[in-house]
Protein backbone atom coordinates (compact mmCIF):
# COMPACT_ATOMS: atom_id res chain seq x y z
CA UNK A 1 -0.27 0.10 0.19
CA UNK A 2 3.08 2.39 0.51
CA UNK A 3 3.76 2.32 -3.14
CA UNK A 4 -0.05 3.54 -3.72
CA UNK A 5 0.30 6.44 -0.88
CA UNK A 6 4.01 7.59 -2.53
CA UNK A 7 2.93 7.10 -6.28
CA UNK A 8 -0.77 8.40 -6.36
CA UNK A 9 0.07 12.33 -6.12
CA UNK A 10 2.53 11.85 -8.90
CA UNK A 11 -0.01 9.88 -11.33
CA UNK A 12 -2.86 12.37 -10.26
CA UNK A 13 -0.50 14.67 -11.37
CA UNK A 14 0.59 13.10 -14.55
CA UNK A 15 -3.29 13.17 -15.20
CA UNK A 16 -4.10 16.67 -14.21
CA UNK A 17 -1.15 17.68 -16.98
CA UNK A 18 -2.64 15.34 -19.47
CA UNK A 19 -6.06 16.57 -19.35
CA UNK A 20 -4.55 20.16 -19.43
CA UNK A 21 -2.70 19.47 -22.69
CA UNK A 22 -6.26 17.58 -23.97
CA UNK A 23 -8.06 20.50 -22.79
CA UNK A 24 -5.79 22.96 -24.80
CA UNK A 25 -5.41 20.62 -27.68
CA UNK A 26 -9.06 20.75 -28.53
CA UNK A 27 -9.67 24.40 -27.73
CA UNK A 28 -6.74 24.60 -30.68
CA UNK A 29 -8.47 22.33 -33.02
CA UNK A 30 -11.88 24.35 -32.60
CA UNK A 31 -10.49 27.39 -33.15
CA UNK A 32 -8.76 26.19 -36.87
CA UNK A 33 -11.95 24.83 -37.43
CA UNK A 34 -13.69 27.72 -36.59
CA UNK A 35 -11.55 30.22 -38.53
CA UNK A 36 -11.70 27.31 -41.49
CA UNK A 37 -15.55 27.79 -41.43
CA UNK A 38 -15.20 31.22 -41.78
CA UNK A 39 -12.89 31.60 -44.49
CA UNK A 40 -15.00 29.02 -46.24
CA UNK A 41 -17.86 31.42 -45.69
CA UNK A 42 -16.24 34.36 -46.71
CA UNK A 43 -14.94 33.01 -49.74
CA UNK A 44 -18.46 31.50 -51.15
CA UNK A 45 -19.74 35.43 -50.63
CA UNK A 46 -17.03 36.52 -52.81
CA UNK A 47 -17.80 34.01 -55.35
CA UNK A 48 -21.74 34.52 -55.19
CA UNK A 49 -20.98 38.15 -55.38
CA UNK A 50 -18.49 37.72 -58.42
CA UNK A 51 -21.32 35.30 -60.05
CA UNK A 52 -23.83 38.16 -59.51
CA UNK A 53 -21.64 40.94 -60.90
CA UNK A 54 -20.76 39.01 -63.86
CA UNK A 55 -24.42 37.97 -64.68
CA UNK A 56 -25.61 41.44 -64.50
CA UNK A 57 -22.98 42.44 -66.85
CA UNK A 58 -23.61 39.84 -69.13
CA UNK A 59 -27.63 40.93 -68.70
CA UNK A 60 -26.20 44.63 -69.72
CA UNK A 61 -24.15 43.68 -72.08
CA UNK A 62 -26.72 41.58 -73.85
CA UNK A 63 -29.45 44.22 -73.71
CA UNK A 64 -27.03 47.08 -75.21
CA UNK A 65 -26.10 44.40 -78.14
CA UNK A 66 -29.49 43.69 -78.57
CA UNK A 67 -30.66 47.84 -78.68
CA UNK A 68 -27.46 48.20 -81.11
CA UNK A 69 -28.45 45.81 -83.62
CA UNK A 70 -30.55 46.25 -86.94
CA UNK A 71 -32.34 42.93 -85.86
CA UNK A 72 -32.81 44.05 -82.63
CA UNK A 73 -34.24 47.42 -83.66
CA UNK A 74 -36.26 45.83 -86.35
CA UNK A 75 -37.97 43.43 -83.71
CA UNK A 76 -38.65 46.27 -81.27
CA UNK A 77 -40.57 48.37 -84.02
CA UNK A 78 -43.03 45.28 -85.29
CA UNK A 79 -43.77 43.57 -81.80
CA UNK A 80 -45.61 40.21 -82.82
CA UNK A 81 -43.85 39.27 -85.82
CA UNK A 82 -41.82 36.45 -86.25
CA UNK A 83 -39.25 36.06 -89.38
């Protein structure tokens, strides 16, 4: 029983340090995952904004090309007719 009395505090100390190390590792891992998710959300938002800008630019370019083309002007002057 004497070995238990002498070893118990040492074992408890090791377990305590191991627990603290584990808690620190979990906290760091959580932080990394949180930053990674946030970065993913930011990248998705940037990609969505860029896609929306391109689509808007495409619609504006198509509308401008339609107004400027002879066929577009002809079609606009004769609604309902198809050639």
